Amino acid sequence: MIHVIATIELVPGAKEAYLAVFRKLIADVRAEPGCIEYGPAIDAETDLANQAKVGPDKVVVVEKWEDLAALKAHSVTPHMQAYRINVKDFVIGVNLLVLDPAE
């Protein structure tokens, strides 16, 4: 299994429009072979003193895949290609972390 943390940097003020497009993608991705977990996350409002925040113009996508082959297949699916076109005006950049469990 691999973990993926994708931080999406957005044009200021575009978060809600971006999330509206992203939410339409979730069911298709979760149905892909090898997908264990997939979903967007934003800063939680807490009173934790040591909480780091990603900020108002970023969305973090938390993913788990059975293996690297499943992740690579995911990246070229028709729905991901359409997603990239649909969000191109909202996205400034993407930071991708691909991690192995350290158990």
C-alpha atoms as a PDB file:
ATOM      1  CA  MET A   1       0.000   0.000   0.000  1.00  0.00           C
ATOM      2  CA  ILE A   2       1.094   3.573  -0.620  1.00  0.00           C
ATOM      3  CA  HIS A   3      -0.116   6.845   0.808  1.00  0.00           C
ATOM      4  CA  VAL A   4      -0.445   9.964  -1.310  1.00  0.00           C
ATOM      5  CA  ILE A   5      -0.785  13.498   0.014  1.00  0.00           C
ATOM      6  CA  ALA A   6      -1.444  15.985  -2.780  1.00  0.00           C
ATOM      7  CA  THR A   7      -1.513  19.655  -1.821  1.00  0.00           C
ATOM      8  CA  ILE A   8      -3.307  21.726  -4.435  1.00  0.00           C
ATOM      9  CA  GLU A   9      -2.449  25.436  -4.465  1.00  0.00           C
ATOM     10  CA  LEU A  10      -5.340  27.477  -5.819  1.00  0.00           C
ATOM     11  CA  VAL A  11      -5.889  30.913  -7.260  1.00  0.00           C
ATOM     12  CA  PRO A  12      -6.995  33.107  -4.324  1.00  0.00           C
ATOM     13  CA  GLY A  13     -10.749  32.835  -3.813  1.00  0.00           C
ATOM     14  CA  ALA A  14     -11.186  29.766  -6.059  1.00  0.00           C
ATOM     15  CA  LYS A  15     -11.488  27.086  -3.362  1.00  0.00           C
ATOM     16  CA  GLU A  16     -15.279  26.623  -3.455  1.00  0.00           C
ATOM     17  CA  ALA A  17     -15.392  26.515  -7.259  1.00  0.00           C
ATOM     18  CA  TYR A  18     -12.507  24.032  -7.286  1.00  0.00           C
ATOM     19  CA  LEU A  19     -14.170  21.813  -4.677  1.00  0.00           C
ATOM     20  CA  ALA A  20     -17.439  21.804  -6.642  1.00  0.00           C
ATOM     21  CA  VAL A  21     -15.577  20.267  -9.602  1.00  0.00           C
ATOM     22  CA  PHE A  22     -13.510  17.949  -7.405  1.00  0.00           C
ATOM     23  CA  ARG A  23     -16.527  16.517  -5.581  1.00  0.00           C
ATOM     24  CA  LYS A  24     -17.950  15.292  -8.910  1.00  0.00           C
ATOM     25  CA  LEU A  25     -14.756  13.244  -9.395  1.00  0.00           C
ATOM     26  CA  ILE A  26     -14.687  11.381  -6.078  1.00  0.00           C
ATOM     27  CA  ALA A  27     -17.060   8.489  -6.874  1.00  0.00           C
ATOM     28  CA  ASP A  28     -15.250   7.686 -10.128  1.00  0.00           C
ATOM     29  CA  VAL A  29     -11.859   7.625  -8.415  1.00  0.00           C
ATOM     30  CA  ARG A  30     -13.064   5.531  -5.482  1.00  0.00           C
ATOM     31  CA  ALA A  31     -14.389   2.985  -8.007  1.00  0.00           C
ATOM     32  CA  GLU A  32     -10.969   2.575  -9.624  1.00  0.00           C
ATOM     33  CA  PRO A  33      -9.092  -0.708  -9.100  1.00  0.00           C
ATOM     34  CA  GLY A  34      -6.604  -0.297  -6.273  1.00  0.00           C
ATOM     35  CA  CYS A  35      -8.161   2.795  -4.684  1.00  0.00           C
ATOM     36  CA  ILE A  36      -8.451   2.401  -0.919  1.00  0.00           C
ATOM     37  CA  GLU A  37      -9.124   6.014   0.083  1.00  0.00           C
ATOM     38  CA  TYR A  38      -9.558   9.284  -1.797  1.00  0.00           C
ATOM     39  CA  GLY A  39     -10.915  12.623  -0.657  1.00  0.00           C
ATOM     40  CA  PRO A  40     -10.268  16.334  -0.236  1.00  0.00           C
ATOM     41  CA  ALA A  41      -9.496  18.006   3.082  1.00  0.00           C
ATOM     42  CA  ILE A  42      -9.184  21.610   4.243  1.00  0.00           C
ATOM     43  CA  ASP A  43      -7.997  23.212   7.465  1.00  0.00           C
ATOM     44  CA  ALA A  44      -9.990  22.232  10.540  1.00  0.00           C
ATOM     45  CA  GLU A  45     -10.799  24.995  12.984  1.00  0.00           C
ATOM     46  CA  THR A  46      -9.346  23.882  16.309  1.00  0.00           C
ATOM     47  CA  ASP A  47      -7.791  25.391  19.404  1.00  0.00           C
ATOM     48  CA  LEU A  48      -4.641  23.271  19.120  1.00  0.00           C
ATOM     49  CA  ALA A  49      -1.603  25.476  19.675  1.00  0.00           C
ATOM     50  CA  ASN A  50       0.704  23.397  17.488  1.00  0.00           C
ATOM     51  CA  GLN A  51      -1.636  23.001  14.517  1.00  0.00           C
ATOM     52  CA  ALA A  52      -0.050  23.899  11.196  1.00  0.00           C
ATOM     53  CA  LYS A  53      -2.494  25.130   8.577  1.00  0.00           C
ATOM     54  CA  VAL A  54      -2.344  24.779   4.819  1.00  0.00           C
ATOM     55  CA  GLY A  55      -4.149  28.076   4.324  1.00  0.00           C
ATOM     56  CA  PRO A  56      -7.317  29.367   2.680  1.00  0.00           C
ATOM     57  CA  ASP A  57      -6.172  28.773  -0.888  1.00  0.00           C
ATOM     58  CA  LYS A  58      -5.065  25.158  -0.636  1.00  0.00           C
ATOM     59  CA  VAL A  59      -6.826  21.797  -0.642  1.00  0.00           C
ATOM     60  CA  VAL A  60      -5.121  18.611   0.500  1.00  0.00           C
ATOM     61  CA  VAL A  61      -6.146  15.362  -1.177  1.00  0.00           C
ATOM     62  CA  VAL A  62      -5.595  12.314   1.039  1.00  0.00           C
ATOM     63  CA  GLU A  63      -5.235   9.083  -0.902  1.00  0.00           C
ATOM     64  CA  LYS A  64      -4.352   5.436  -0.323  1.00  0.00           C
ATOM     65  CA  TRP A  65      -3.621   3.029  -3.171  1.00  0.00           C
ATOM     66  CA  GLU A  66      -2.870  -0.675  -3.226  1.00  0.00           C
ATOM     67  CA  ASP A  67       0.377  -0.034  -5.113  1.00  0.00           C
ATOM     68  CA  LEU A  68       2.231   2.340  -7.402  1.00  0.00           C
ATOM     69  CA  ALA A  69       0.761   0.684 -10.500  1.00  0.00           C
ATOM     70  CA  ALA A  70      -2.767   1.591  -9.332  1.00  0.00           C
ATOM     71  CA  LEU A  71      -1.697   5.203  -8.730  1.00  0.00           C
ATOM     72  CA  LYS A  72      -0.114   5.429 -12.173  1.00  0.00           C
ATOM     73  CA  ALA A  73      -3.240   3.962 -13.802  1.00  0.00           C
ATOM     74  CA  HIS A  74      -5.353   6.501 -11.887  1.00  0.00           C
ATOM     75  CA  SER A  75      -3.369   9.418 -13.269  1.00  0.00           C
ATOM     76  CA  VAL A  76      -4.275   8.602 -16.896  1.00  0.00           C
ATOM     77  CA  THR A  77      -7.964   7.732 -16.541  1.00  0.00           C
ATOM     78  CA  PRO A  78     -10.400   9.710 -18.706  1.00  0.00           C
ATOM     79  CA  HIS A  79     -12.061  11.251 -15.628  1.00  0.00           C
ATOM     80  CA  MET A  80      -8.691  12.540 -14.343  1.00  0.00           C
ATOM     81  CA  GLN A  81      -7.854  13.982 -17.746  1.00  0.00           C
ATOM     82  CA  ALA A  82     -11.231  15.763 -17.817  1.00  0.00           C
ATOM     83  CA  TYR A  83     -10.745  16.944 -14.208  1.00  0.00           C
ATOM     84  CA  ARG A  84      -7.413  18.588 -15.082  1.00  0.00           C
ATOM     85  CA  ILE A  85      -9.054  20.488 -17.929  1.00  0.00           C
ATOM     86  CA  ASN A  86     -11.997  21.516 -15.720  1.00  0.00           C
ATOM     87  CA  VAL A  87      -9.809  22.921 -12.910  1.00  0.00           C
ATOM     88  CA  LYS A  88      -6.954  24.434 -14.937  1.00  0.00           C
ATOM     89  CA  ASP A  89      -8.164  27.993 -14.274  1.00  0.00           C
ATOM     90  CA  PHE A  90      -8.263  27.371 -10.498  1.00  0.00           C
ATOM     91  CA  VAL A  91      -4.957  25.556  -9.903  1.00  0.00           C
ATOM     92  CA  ILE A  92      -1.591  27.273  -9.501  1.00  0.00           C
ATOM     93  CA  GLY A  93       0.364  24.127  -8.644  1.00  0.00           C
ATOM     94  CA  VAL A  94       0.413  20.678  -7.069  1.00  0.00           C
ATOM     95  CA  ASN A  95       2.826  19.257  -4.479  1.00  0.00           C
ATOM     96  CA  LEU A  96       2.705  15.461  -4.434  1.00  0.00           C
ATOM     97  CA  LEU A  97       3.999  13.266  -1.604  1.00  0.00           C
ATOM     98  CA  VAL A  98       4.028   9.505  -2.239  1.00  0.00           C
ATOM     99  CA  LEU A  99       4.807   7.579   0.939  1.00  0.00           C
ATOM    100  CA  ASP A 100       5.307   3.998   2.057  1.00  0.00           C
ATOM    101  CA  PRO A 101       3.890   2.947   5.429  1.00  0.00           C
ATOM    102  CA  ALA A 102       6.719   2.693   7.960  1.00  0.00           C
ATOM    103  CA  GLU A 103       5.159  -0.085  10.015  1.00  0.00           C
END
